[in-house]
Protein backbone atom coordinates (compact mmCIF):
# COMPACT_ATOMS: atom_id res chain seq x y z
CA UNK A 1 -1.87 5.84 3.03
CA UNK A 2 -0.09 10.07 3.67
CA UNK A 3 -0.37 12.00 6.89
CA UNK A 4 -3.05 15.10 6.81
CA UNK A 5 -1.20 17.35 8.97
CA UNK A 6 -2.61 20.26 11.04
CA UNK A 7 -0.47 21.70 13.20
CA UNK A 8 1.13 20.77 16.69
CA UNK A 9 -1.31 20.41 18.85
CA UNK A 10 -1.65 18.23 22.80
CA UNK A 11 -5.31 15.67 21.37
CA UNK A 12 -5.48 11.98 23.21
CA UNK A 13 -7.77 10.71 20.58
CA UNK A 14 -9.58 11.41 17.81
CA UNK A 15 -13.08 9.97 19.61
CA UNK A 16 -12.95 9.90 23.31
CA UNK A 17 -15.41 12.09 24.48
CA UNK A 18 -16.59 13.70 21.37
CA UNK A 19 -20.75 14.44 20.67
CA UNK A 20 -22.30 12.81 18.75
CA UNK A 21 -23.06 14.44 15.51
CA UNK A 22 -26.38 15.43 13.68
CA UNK A 23 -27.68 14.47 11.35
CA UNK A 24 -25.27 15.90 8.24
CA UNK A 25 -25.51 18.84 6.73
CA UNK A 26 -24.75 20.00 3.49
CA UNK A 27 -20.75 20.80 4.16
CA UNK A 28 -20.16 17.45 5.87
CA UNK A 29 -16.95 16.12 4.70
CA UNK A 30 -18.41 12.28 3.24
CA UNK A 31 -15.57 10.37 5.10
CA UNK A 32 -15.56 7.71 8.02
CA UNK A 33 -12.75 8.41 10.73
CA UNK A 34 -11.68 5.32 12.47
CA UNK A 35 -8.79 4.61 15.33
CA UNK A 36 -5.86 2.25 14.55
CA UNK A 37 -3.53 1.78 17.29
CA UNK A 38 -3.84 4.97 18.48
CA UNK A 39 -3.43 6.22 15.20
CA UNK A 40 -6.38 8.70 14.00
CA UNK A 41 -7.34 7.51 9.93
CA UNK A 42 -10.12 8.44 7.72
CA UNK A 43 -11.72 6.54 4.92
CA UNK A 44 -12.68 9.30 2.40
CA UNK A 45 -15.57 8.65 0.03
CA UNK A 46 -14.84 10.85 -2.31
CA UNK A 47 -11.20 9.12 -2.95
CA UNK A 48 -11.98 5.65 -2.03
CA UNK A 49 -8.62 6.04 0.10
CA UNK A 50 -7.52 6.41 3.77
CA UNK A 51 -5.83 9.29 4.40
CA UNK A 52 -3.86 8.74 7.78
CA UNK A 53 -4.26 12.59 10.01
CA UNK A 54 -3.93 13.85 13.09
CA UNK A 55 -6.24 13.50 16.29
CA UNK A 56 -7.53 17.40 15.74
CA UNK A 57 -8.27 16.87 12.34
CA UNK A 58 -10.22 13.28 13.27
CA UNK A 59 -12.20 15.15 15.92
CA UNK A 60 -13.22 18.15 13.85
CA UNK A 61 -14.45 16.24 10.40
CA UNK A 62 -17.39 14.66 12.11
CA UNK A 63 -18.42 18.22 13.59
CA UNK A 64 -17.55 19.83 10.61
CA UNK A 65 -20.98 20.80 9.09
CA UNK A 66 -23.29 19.33 11.41
CA UNK A 67 -21.78 22.50 13.68
CA UNK A 68 -20.82 25.43 13.64
CA UNK A 69 -16.98 26.61 13.52
CA UNK A 70 -17.95 28.86 16.89
CA UNK A 71 -19.44 25.89 17.94
CA UNK A 72 -16.95 23.67 17.20
CA UNK A 73 -14.16 25.69 19.10
CA UNK A 74 -16.60 25.89 21.99
CA UNK A 75 -16.52 22.12 21.78
CA UNK A 76 -12.30 21.16 20.73
CA UNK A 77 -10.90 23.86 22.56
CA UNK A 78 -10.16 22.81 25.70
CA UNK A 79 -8.84 19.48 24.15
CA UNK A 80 -6.98 20.39 21.28
CA UNK A 81 -6.10 24.17 21.68
CA UNK A 82 -8.48 27.02 19.42
CA UNK A 83 -5.11 26.99 17.33
CA UNK A 84 -5.71 24.06 16.19
CA UNK A 85 -9.31 23.63 15.38
CA UNK A 86 -8.40 26.25 13.59
CA UNK A 87 -6.51 24.96 11.88
CA UNK A 88 -7.91 22.02 11.17
CA UNK A 89 -10.57 24.08 9.61
CA UNK A 90 -8.54 24.74 7.03
CA UNK A 91 -6.85 21.71 6.78
CA UNK A 92 -10.11 20.33 4.95
CA UNK A 93 -10.75 23.09 2.62
CA UNK A 94 -6.84 22.55 1.33
CA UNK A 95 -7.93 18.94 1.32
CA UNK A 96 -10.91 19.59 -0.68
CA UNK A 97 -9.20 22.14 -2.69
CA UNK A 98 -5.92 20.33 -3.23
CA UNK A 99 -6.44 16.80 -3.42
CA UNK A 100 -10.37 15.99 -3.65
CA UNK A 101 -10.62 14.95 -0.28
CA UNK A 102 -13.43 15.47 2.55
CA UNK A 103 -15.79 16.00 -0.23
CA UNK A 104 -19.42 17.44 0.95
CA UNK A 105 -21.33 16.22 -1.55
CA UNK A 106 -23.36 12.58 -1.29
CA UNK A 107 -24.29 10.73 -4.37
CA UNK A 108 -28.30 10.41 -5.70
CA UNK A 109 -29.43 7.25 -5.52
CA UNK A 110 -30.97 5.14 -8.79
CA UNK A 111 -32.41 2.68 -9.67
CA UNK A 112 -30.75 0.83 -12.48
CA UNK A 113 -31.72 2.00 -15.96
CA UNK A 114 -34.57 0.40 -17.10
CA UNK A 115 -32.71 -0.96 -20.10
CA UNK A 116 -31.02 -3.44 -18.54
CA UNK A 117 -34.34 -5.08 -17.36
CA UNK A 118 -35.64 -4.18 -20.91
CA UNK A 119 -36.79 -8.17 -22.84
CA UNK A 120 -33.04 -9.17 -24.23
CA UNK A 121 -31.11 -6.93 -22.23
CA UNK A 122 -31.46 -8.54 -19.42
CA UNK A 123 -30.56 -11.92 -20.25
CA UNK A 124 -27.47 -11.24 -21.92
CA UNK A 125 -23.63 -11.28 -20.78
CA UNK A 126 -24.18 -14.59 -19.10
CA UNK A 127 -20.90 -15.89 -17.00
CA UNK A 128 -22.65 -18.50 -14.58
CA UNK A 129 -25.30 -20.70 -14.50
CA UNK A 130 -26.29 -22.18 -10.82
CA UNK A 131 -28.31 -25.51 -10.78
CA UNK A 132 -29.22 -26.66 -7.59
CA UNK A 133 -30.17 -30.17 -8.65
CA UNK A 134 -31.73 -31.43 -5.49
CA UNK A 135 -32.92 -30.51 -2.95
CA UNK A 136 -31.74 -33.80 -0.45
CA UNK A 137 -28.50 -33.52 1.24
CA UNK A 138 -27.39 -36.70 3.02
CA UNK A 139 -25.84 -34.60 6.25
CA UNK A 140 -27.98 -33.10 8.75
CA UNK A 141 -25.57 -30.36 9.52
CA UNK A 142 -25.72 -28.82 13.22
CA UNK A 143 -25.81 -24.95 11.65
CA UNK A 144 -27.55 -24.91 8.29
CA UNK A 145 -29.38 -22.70 7.04
CA UNK A 146 -31.80 -25.33 6.71
CA UNK A 147 -32.31 -26.51 9.38
CA UNK A 148 -33.53 -23.56 10.59
CA UNK A 149 -36.44 -21.33 12.08
CA UNK A 150 -36.24 -18.74 8.94
CA UNK A 151 -39.16 -18.38 6.55
CA UNK A 152 -37.32 -17.54 3.77
CA UNK A 153 -34.87 -20.11 3.73
CA UNK A 154 -36.71 -23.37 2.31
CA UNK A 155 -36.27 -26.59 4.11
CA UNK A 156 -34.33 -29.95 3.91
CA UNK A 157 -36.86 -31.38 0.86
CA UNK A 158 -36.72 -34.04 -0.96
CA UNK A 159 -37.07 -32.13 -4.66
CA UNK A 160 -34.63 -33.70 -7.81
CA UNK A 161 -34.32 -31.75 -10.47
CA UNK A 162 -35.59 -33.68 -13.44
CA UNK A 163 -32.96 -34.10 -16.27
CA UNK A 164 -35.15 -31.96 -19.39
CA UNK A 165 -35.19 -29.22 -16.87
CA UNK A 166 -31.58 -29.31 -16.70
CA UNK A 167 -30.77 -29.31 -20.67
CA UNK A 168 -33.11 -27.17 -20.97
CA UNK A 169 -31.56 -24.43 -18.57
CA UNK A 170 -28.34 -25.09 -20.07
CA UNK A 171 -28.84 -24.16 -23.49
CA UNK A 172 -30.77 -21.11 -22.39
CA UNK A 173 -27.94 -20.24 -20.23
CA UNK A 174 -25.03 -20.93 -23.12
CA UNK A 175 -27.07 -19.15 -26.13
CA UNK A 176 -26.49 -16.46 -23.91
CA UNK A 177 -23.30 -16.76 -22.18
CA UNK A 178 -20.85 -13.52 -22.36
CA UNK A 179 -18.53 -14.46 -25.52
CA UNK A 180 -15.34 -13.28 -24.15
CA UNK A 181 -15.37 -15.18 -21.38
CA UNK A 182 -15.23 -19.08 -20.36
CA UNK A 183 -18.89 -20.21 -19.66
CA UNK A 184 -19.36 -22.02 -16.20
CA UNK A 185 -21.90 -24.32 -15.15
CA UNK A 186 -22.16 -25.40 -10.70
CA UNK A 187 -23.43 -28.02 -9.27
CA UNK A 188 -25.53 -26.96 -5.51
CA UNK A 189 -27.87 -28.25 -3.80
CA UNK A 190 -28.70 -29.54 -0.90
CA UNK A 191 -25.52 -32.34 -2.09
CA UNK A 192 -24.82 -32.48 -5.90
CA UNK A 193 -23.47 -35.53 -6.07
CA UNK A 194 -26.74 -37.14 -4.53
CA UNK A 195 -27.76 -37.26 -8.44
CA UNK A 196 -24.03 -38.34 -10.39
CA UNK A 197 -26.38 -39.60 -13.47
CA UNK A 198 -28.63 -35.67 -13.76
CA UNK A 199 -24.76 -33.79 -14.11
CA UNK A 200 -23.41 -36.17 -16.64
CA UNK A 201 -26.65 -35.36 -18.30
CA UNK A 202 -25.53 -32.16 -18.33
CA UNK A 203 -21.54 -32.55 -19.12
CA UNK A 204 -22.43 -34.32 -21.97
CA UNK A 205 -24.90 -31.93 -23.70
CA UNK A 206 -23.27 -28.66 -22.62
CA UNK A 207 -19.90 -30.18 -24.54
CA UNK A 208 -22.37 -30.87 -27.65
CA UNK A 209 -23.08 -27.28 -28.18
CA UNK A 210 -21.63 -24.52 -29.71
CA UNK A 211 -20.04 -22.81 -27.04
CA UNK A 212 -19.54 -26.10 -24.86
CA UNK A 213 -15.15 -26.68 -25.13
CA UNK A 214 -15.03 -23.20 -23.56
CA UNK A 215 -17.61 -24.95 -20.66
CA UNK A 216 -16.02 -25.32 -17.06
CA UNK A 217 -17.81 -27.40 -14.27
CA UNK A 218 -17.92 -26.65 -10.94
CA UNK A 219 -19.28 -28.60 -8.24
CA UNK A 220 -20.11 -27.72 -4.74
CA UNK A 221 -20.46 -30.84 -2.01
CA UNK A 222 -19.78 -31.59 1.45
CA UNK A 223 -17.67 -34.92 0.19
CA UNK A 224 -19.01 -37.69 1.77
CA UNK A 225 -20.59 -39.21 -1.82
CA UNK A 226 -16.38 -38.95 -4.10
CA UNK A 227 -17.06 -41.96 -5.06
CA UNK A 228 -14.62 -43.67 -8.50
CA UNK A 229 -17.77 -42.79 -10.68
CA UNK A 230 -17.57 -39.20 -10.49
CA UNK A 231 -13.92 -39.01 -9.90
CA UNK A 232 -13.68 -40.19 -12.84
CA UNK A 233 -16.05 -37.40 -14.88
CA UNK A 234 -13.98 -34.77 -12.94
CA UNK A 235 -10.99 -35.66 -13.44
CA UNK A 236 -11.73 -36.21 -17.50
CA UNK A 237 -13.66 -32.71 -17.80
CA UNK A 238 -11.56 -31.31 -15.31
CA UNK A 239 -13.95 -30.33 -13.29
CA UNK A 240 -13.87 -27.50 -10.08
CA UNK A 241 -14.76 -28.84 -6.71
CA UNK A 242 -15.36 -26.73 -3.84
CA UNK A 243 -15.66 -29.32 -1.13
CA UNK A 244 -17.20 -28.03 2.63
CA UNK A 245 -14.18 -29.51 5.02
CA UNK A 246 -14.64 -27.42 9.15
CA UNK A 247 -10.58 -28.59 10.43
CA UNK A 248 -9.19 -32.06 11.94
CA UNK A 249 -12.08 -34.66 12.38
CA UNK A 250 -12.35 -32.55 16.64
CA UNK A 251 -13.79 -29.98 14.97
CA UNK A 252 -15.44 -31.27 12.01
CA UNK A 253 -17.19 -33.65 13.42
CA UNK A 254 -18.81 -31.86 16.44
CA UNK A 255 -21.05 -29.96 13.69
CA UNK A 256 -21.01 -31.57 10.52
CA UNK A 257 -22.91 -35.89 10.93
CA UNK A 258 -25.40 -37.89 8.13
CA UNK A 259 -28.71 -37.48 8.63
CA UNK A 260 -27.97 -40.22 11.55
CA UNK A 261 -25.84 -38.38 13.57
CA UNK A 262 -22.83 -39.89 12.71
CA UNK A 263 -19.25 -38.05 11.70
CA UNK A 264 -18.81 -37.53 7.56
CA UNK A 265 -14.64 -36.70 8.20
CA UNK A 266 -13.21 -40.17 7.81
CA UNK A 267 -15.37 -40.36 4.70
CA UNK A 268 -14.23 -36.96 3.11
CA UNK A 269 -10.53 -37.38 3.30
CA UNK A 270 -10.81 -41.55 1.74
CA UNK A 271 -12.74 -39.55 -0.73
CA UNK A 272 -10.34 -36.79 -2.15
CA UNK A 273 -7.38 -39.40 -1.57
CA UNK A 274 -9.49 -41.05 -3.86
CA UNK A 275 -9.31 -37.98 -6.51
CA UNK A 276 -5.81 -37.31 -5.66
CA UNK A 277 -5.04 -40.67 -6.19
CA UNK A 278 -6.03 -40.66 -9.64
CA UNK A 279 -4.81 -37.30 -10.35
CA UNK A 280 -2.43 -34.84 -8.44
CA UNK A 281 -3.27 -31.93 -10.37
CA UNK A 282 -6.52 -31.97 -8.98
CA UNK A 283 -5.38 -30.20 -5.99
CA UNK A 284 -4.96 -27.38 -7.95
CA UNK A 285 -9.11 -27.01 -9.19
CA UNK A 286 -9.96 -28.28 -5.50
CA UNK A 287 -10.50 -25.53 -2.38
CA UNK A 288 -12.19 -25.59 0.41
CA UNK A 289 -14.84 -24.22 2.64
CA UNK A 290 -13.84 -23.82 6.37
CA UNK A 291 -17.51 -22.64 8.39
CA UNK A 292 -16.38 -21.76 12.15
CA UNK A 293 -18.94 -21.31 14.98
CA UNK A 294 -18.26 -21.21 18.48
CA UNK A 295 -17.20 -22.26 20.26
CA UNK A 296 -13.77 -23.50 17.89
CA UNK A 297 -10.10 -24.17 18.60
CA UNK A 298 -8.83 -21.79 15.57
CA UNK A 299 -5.71 -22.88 16.32
CA UNK A 300 -6.35 -26.30 15.60
CA UNK A 301 -8.17 -25.42 12.14
CA UNK A 302 -5.22 -23.33 10.88
CA UNK A 303 -2.42 -26.41 11.87
CA UNK A 304 -4.98 -29.33 9.78
CA UNK A 305 -4.74 -26.46 6.88
CA UNK A 306 -1.35 -25.81 6.82
CA UNK A 307 -0.54 -29.43 6.96
CA UNK A 308 -3.13 -30.70 4.77
CA UNK A 309 -3.29 -34.48 5.19
CA UNK A 310 -4.46 -35.43 1.92
CA UNK A 311 -2.39 -33.40 0.29
CA UNK A 312 0.66 -34.73 2.13
CA UNK A 313 0.07 -38.20 2.03
CA UNK A 314 0.73 -37.62 -2.39
CA UNK A 315 3.59 -35.21 -2.06
CA UNK A 316 1.66 -32.21 -2.96
CA UNK A 317 4.23 -29.62 -1.36
CA UNK A 318 0.95 -26.71 -2.23
CA UNK A 319 -0.94 -25.64 0.41
CA UNK A 320 -4.91 -26.07 -0.31
CA UNK A 321 -6.78 -22.66 -1.22
CA UNK A 322 -9.42 -21.94 1.64
CA UNK A 323 -12.76 -20.25 1.69
CA UNK A 324 -12.80 -19.14 5.66
CA UNK A 325 -16.01 -17.88 6.99
CA UNK A 326 -18.43 -17.75 10.18
CA UNK A 327 -21.75 -19.60 10.74
CA UNK A 328 -24.76 -17.94 9.98
CA UNK A 329 -26.55 -18.61 13.42
CA UNK A 330 -29.64 -16.97 12.06
CA UNK A 331 -32.64 -19.38 13.43
CA UNK A 332 -30.72 -21.43 15.97
CA UNK A 333 -30.50 -21.73 19.41
CA UNK A 334 -27.13 -22.08 19.57
CA UNK A 335 -25.30 -22.67 22.64
CA UNK A 336 -22.25 -20.67 22.42
CA UNK A 337 -21.98 -17.96 24.89
CA UNK A 338 -21.39 -14.24 23.94
CA UNK A 339 -17.68 -14.78 25.29
CA UNK A 340 -17.45 -17.96 23.14
CA UNK A 341 -18.35 -15.12 20.15
CA UNK A 342 -16.19 -12.70 21.36
CA UNK A 343 -13.17 -15.60 21.42
CA UNK A 344 -13.58 -16.40 18.09
CA UNK A 345 -13.55 -12.67 16.99
CA UNK A 346 -10.24 -12.62 18.42
CA UNK A 347 -8.72 -15.34 17.33
CA UNK A 348 -9.56 -14.73 14.24
CA UNK A 349 -8.23 -11.13 14.51
CA UNK A 350 -4.90 -12.91 15.81
CA UNK A 351 -4.76 -14.49 12.36
CA UNK A 352 -4.79 -11.85 10.70
CA UNK A 353 -1.82 -10.28 12.90
CA UNK A 354 0.27 -13.66 11.77
CA UNK A 355 -0.63 -12.52 8.32
CA UNK A 356 0.86 -8.72 8.16
CA UNK A 357 3.45 -10.71 10.55
CA UNK A 358 4.33 -12.40 7.77
CA UNK A 359 3.95 -10.17 4.96
CA UNK A 360 5.73 -7.44 6.73
CA UNK A 361 9.04 -10.18 7.06
CA UNK A 362 8.58 -10.99 3.14
CA UNK A 363 6.93 -14.67 3.99
CA UNK A 364 3.50 -13.84 3.23
CA UNK A 365 3.45 -17.60 2.44
CA UNK A 366 4.66 -18.69 5.42
CA UNK A 367 1.51 -16.93 7.07
CA UNK A 368 -1.04 -20.84 7.16
CA UNK A 369 -4.08 -21.16 4.29
CA UNK A 370 -6.13 -19.95 6.81
CA UNK A 371 -4.48 -16.31 7.89
CA UNK A 372 -4.24 -16.28 4.15
CA UNK A 373 -7.56 -16.62 3.61
CA UNK A 374 -8.95 -13.96 5.82
CA UNK A 375 -6.58 -11.55 4.35
CA UNK A 376 -5.53 -11.89 0.81
CA UNK A 377 -8.67 -11.28 -0.92
CA UNK A 378 -9.21 -7.74 1.68
CA UNK A 379 -5.70 -6.67 0.77
CA UNK A 380 -6.27 -7.55 -2.84
CA UNK A 381 -9.86 -6.04 -3.83
CA UNK A 382 -8.28 -2.52 -1.84
CA UNK A 383 -5.72 -2.76 -4.45
CA UNK A 384 -7.83 -3.58 -7.79
CA UNK A 385 -10.74 -1.19 -6.19
CA UNK A 386 -12.36 1.83 -8.75
CA UNK A 387 -10.28 4.58 -7.50
CA UNK A 388 -11.87 6.70 -9.89
CA UNK A 389 -14.34 10.00 -7.80
CA UNK A 390 -17.23 9.35 -6.29
CA UNK A 391 -19.97 10.13 -8.78
CA UNK A 392 -23.58 12.05 -8.21
CA UNK A 393 -25.20 8.93 -9.19
CA UNK A 394 -24.95 5.67 -7.88
CA UNK A 395 -27.27 2.57 -8.28
CA UNK A 396 -27.33 0.71 -5.10
CA UNK A 397 -26.94 -3.42 -4.79
CA UNK A 398 -23.16 -3.28 -5.47
CA UNK A 399 -22.74 -5.27 -9.05
CA UNK A 400 -25.96 -7.82 -8.32
CA UNK A 401 -28.22 -7.40 -11.41
CA UNK A 402 -30.53 -9.86 -11.69
CA UNK A 403 -30.48 -12.17 -15.00
CA UNK A 404 -27.28 -10.94 -15.91
CA UNK A 405 -24.14 -12.11 -14.62
CA UNK A 406 -25.26 -14.80 -12.75
CA UNK A 407 -28.48 -17.26 -12.94
CA UNK A 408 -29.66 -19.79 -10.01
CA UNK A 409 -32.29 -22.53 -12.13
CA UNK A 410 -34.09 -24.17 -8.68
CA UNK A 411 -35.44 -27.66 -9.23
CA UNK A 412 -38.83 -26.86 -10.21
CA UNK A 413 -37.31 -24.62 -13.25
CA UNK A 414 -37.82 -21.18 -10.82
CA UNK A 415 -34.43 -19.00 -12.05
CA UNK A 416 -33.43 -17.21 -9.77
CA UNK A 417 -30.92 -14.39 -8.68
CA UNK A 418 -28.52 -16.43 -7.77
CA UNK A 419 -28.68 -18.78 -5.05
CA UNK A 420 -27.88 -16.39 -1.88
CA UNK A 421 -31.92 -15.61 -2.21
CA UNK A 422 -33.16 -18.19 -1.72
CA UNK A 423 -36.55 -18.94 -3.09
CA UNK A 424 -38.75 -15.84 -3.08
CA UNK A 425 -37.80 -13.45 -5.31
CA UNK A 426 -37.77 -15.60 -8.85
CA UNK A 427 -37.20 -13.88 -12.37
CA UNK A 428 -38.73 -16.38 -14.53
CA UNK A 429 -38.19 -19.96 -15.33
CA UNK A 430 -36.86 -22.86 -17.74
CA UNK A 431 -39.79 -22.43 -19.62
CA UNK A 432 -40.08 -18.65 -19.96
CA UNK A 433 -36.96 -17.06 -19.73
CA UNK A 434 -35.75 -14.49 -17.76
CA UNK A 435 -39.43 -12.30 -16.93
CA UNK A 436 -38.11 -8.17 -17.38
CA UNK A 437 -41.49 -6.96 -15.46
CA UNK A 438 -40.14 -9.37 -12.44
CA UNK A 439 -36.01 -7.76 -12.84
CA UNK A 440 -38.10 -4.49 -13.00
CA UNK A 441 -39.67 -4.71 -10.14
CA UNK A 442 -37.08 -6.79 -8.15
CA UNK A 443 -35.50 -3.31 -9.39
CA UNK A 444 -37.39 -1.14 -8.41
CA UNK A 445 -38.12 -2.58 -4.70
CA UNK A 446 -34.47 -2.85 -3.48
CA UNK A 447 -33.86 0.61 -4.65
CA UNK A 448 -37.38 1.79 -2.49
CA UNK A 449 -35.63 -0.35 0.57
CA UNK A 450 -31.84 1.68 0.38
CA UNK A 451 -32.18 4.64 -1.43
CA UNK A 452 -33.25 6.42 1.79
CA UNK A 453 -29.88 5.50 3.77
CA UNK A 454 -27.70 4.36 0.92
CA UNK A 455 -26.97 7.81 0.19
CA UNK A 456 -25.97 9.06 3.20
CA UNK A 457 -23.31 5.19 3.94
CA UNK A 458 -20.09 6.01 4.24
CA UNK A 459 -19.39 2.73 3.70
CA UNK A 460 -21.41 2.61 0.15
CA UNK A 461 -18.71 2.29 -2.54
CA UNK A 462 -18.07 -1.16 -0.97
CA UNK A 463 -21.02 -2.02 0.18
CA UNK A 464 -21.97 -6.02 -0.27
CA UNK A 465 -25.34 -6.09 0.43
CA UNK A 466 -28.08 -6.99 -2.62
CA UNK A 467 -31.11 -8.94 -3.09
CA UNK A 468 -30.09 -12.12 -0.87
CA UNK A 469 -30.01 -8.97 1.71
CA UNK A 470 -33.83 -7.81 1.06
CA UNK A 471 -34.51 -11.78 1.42
CA UNK A 472 -33.90 -12.74 4.71
CA UNK A 473 -35.53 -9.65 5.64
CA UNK A 474 -37.44 -9.97 9.15
CA UNK A 475 -40.84 -8.81 7.29
CA UNK A 476 -41.26 -11.27 4.74
CA UNK A 477 -39.63 -11.54 1.02
CA UNK A 478 -42.30 -8.32 -0.18
CA UNK A 479 -41.39 -6.41 2.58
CA UNK A 480 -39.32 -3.27 0.67
CA UNK A 481 -36.38 -3.02 3.40
CA UNK A 482 -33.34 -3.72 3.75
CA UNK A 483 -33.20 -4.84 8.34
CA UNK A 484 -30.85 -1.81 9.23
CA UNK A 485 -29.47 -4.93 11.47
CA UNK A 486 -27.62 -5.60 8.52
CA UNK A 487 -26.30 -2.52 7.47
CA UNK A 488 -24.52 -2.07 11.08
CA UNK A 489 -22.78 -4.94 10.77
CA UNK A 490 -21.71 -4.38 7.17
CA UNK A 491 -20.19 -1.09 8.34
CA UNK A 492 -18.45 -3.22 10.93
CA UNK A 493 -17.23 -5.78 8.82
CA UNK A 494 -16.37 -2.76 6.38
CA UNK A 495 -13.92 -1.64 9.34
CA UNK A 496 -12.40 -4.09 10.13
CA UNK A 497 -11.20 -4.14 6.43
CA UNK A 498 -10.37 -1.25 6.37
CA UNK A 499 -7.75 -1.55 9.83
CA UNK A 500 -6.19 -4.36 7.96
CA UNK A 501 -5.86 -2.60 4.80
CA UNK A 502 -4.55 0.20 6.59
CA UNK A 503 -1.73 -1.55 8.63
CA UNK A 504 -0.59 -3.46 4.99
CA UNK A 505 0.00 0.39 3.78
CA UNK A 506 2.16 1.09 6.17
CA UNK A 507 4.45 -1.70 5.51
CA UNK A 508 7.16 -0.34 2.54
CA UNK A 509 5.90 -0.55 -0.91
CA UNK A 510 7.76 -3.08 -2.49
CA UNK A 511 6.08 -5.63 0.04
CA UNK A 512 2.70 -4.79 -1.49
CA UNK A 513 4.01 -5.56 -4.73
CA UNK A 514 2.52 -8.97 -5.24
CA UNK A 515 -0.40 -7.83 -5.14
CA UNK A 516 0.10 -6.44 -8.35
CA UNK A 517 -0.33 -10.15 -10.00
CA UNK A 518 -3.26 -10.48 -8.45
CA UNK A 519 -6.99 -10.67 -9.84
CA UNK A 520 -10.15 -10.34 -8.59
CA UNK A 521 -12.50 -13.47 -8.90
């Protein structure tokens, strides 16, 4: 990030009082201006970079193209003076010619090439197999989407995956797995640990495959059923384990209760104690999924994770690896007030500030695991972002390609792009394999839903919306739309991420060297 001066001005800020711009014309810069602690910053889409700009340039950028230069001068001269406004025009043109900044061209949105959905092409180089081994769950978490009133999300069911289906899925996957990376097989639910014998059968079959020695196994679990048999298997196979744990008992047990309404926190900690007693190195393969539902005492959650009792009791000095998310409360009549939602957002912002302060002091590890979970992945992804110029054509959907990279198998043997698309986007079955015609239809439908919006969206290069967003649209899975509110929520989230990045870029480069040794996972 660098300053972009245009000359003296007396402006009070980039946004206040500025009229709304109309639909962009050909010369409108493809960028987004936001306020960072009273200083305007522009995110430039073409260079995928951040530029700190002066207030007059920040005010001109959204108008440059939609308005004529005469209109812009007339509108902004009372605030900045005509000379400064015209200097901003020159700065835009200079940025275009000298640095490739503020360019106007928008990409043409195109669907993936038809060849990517052809037979033999859409099911190669698989990396990750997700097996929903059962729809059953022993918990009834109060924020769970499976208890929500959502058409596209299945409720708690009773279906279990037959062993034959699981073994056929494993063989199909490993025969097509990416050759130069370890294949990953994840056990998912419902609650995966309700089907321990199936897990054992899958592990044995996978190890017997020619690619079997390289397979990595992962279990997503609520952690309540971590008994000695599962622990022995997890230790022997060096399995990765993600356990849902929402902080101390006072927070966790408010929402994560079993089917009888009983608390679960103590049982989860007891299972983790058994695991770590058996193999302390399992701590390196353990991650916690922390879900925050307002009202929540984030400070208590952060303190609990920073001094994680199961680690402390077993002399493990490293802090647990976390994923932190806010509960998806769609379909729930959640009792939290607007003020409580706002309080949670403010508390999470304070955690981000805690991380930045620790990073500025050269001691980011002291920020705590919650603050680190909120910030590190954002900074890592930015640091390793695509820095090439924006191409003339772009495929919507991020890195999601049905049948490539990840494959999700439901208990009935149907194949889906991933676990987030629910059961409404089948792309084949274990019996038939991935069906190219289904993959192509998904790609075409998503392109039709997104192309009218994405080409003009400043967040297109960091877009996280994929087929799961279309699966969750209010009009049902067959509706060729991506809800506008999801796009707007993504832009808000993206702006918050860019603010975090911009604050980190104000620090001396030496404080960011740790990013060079990181990777995006």
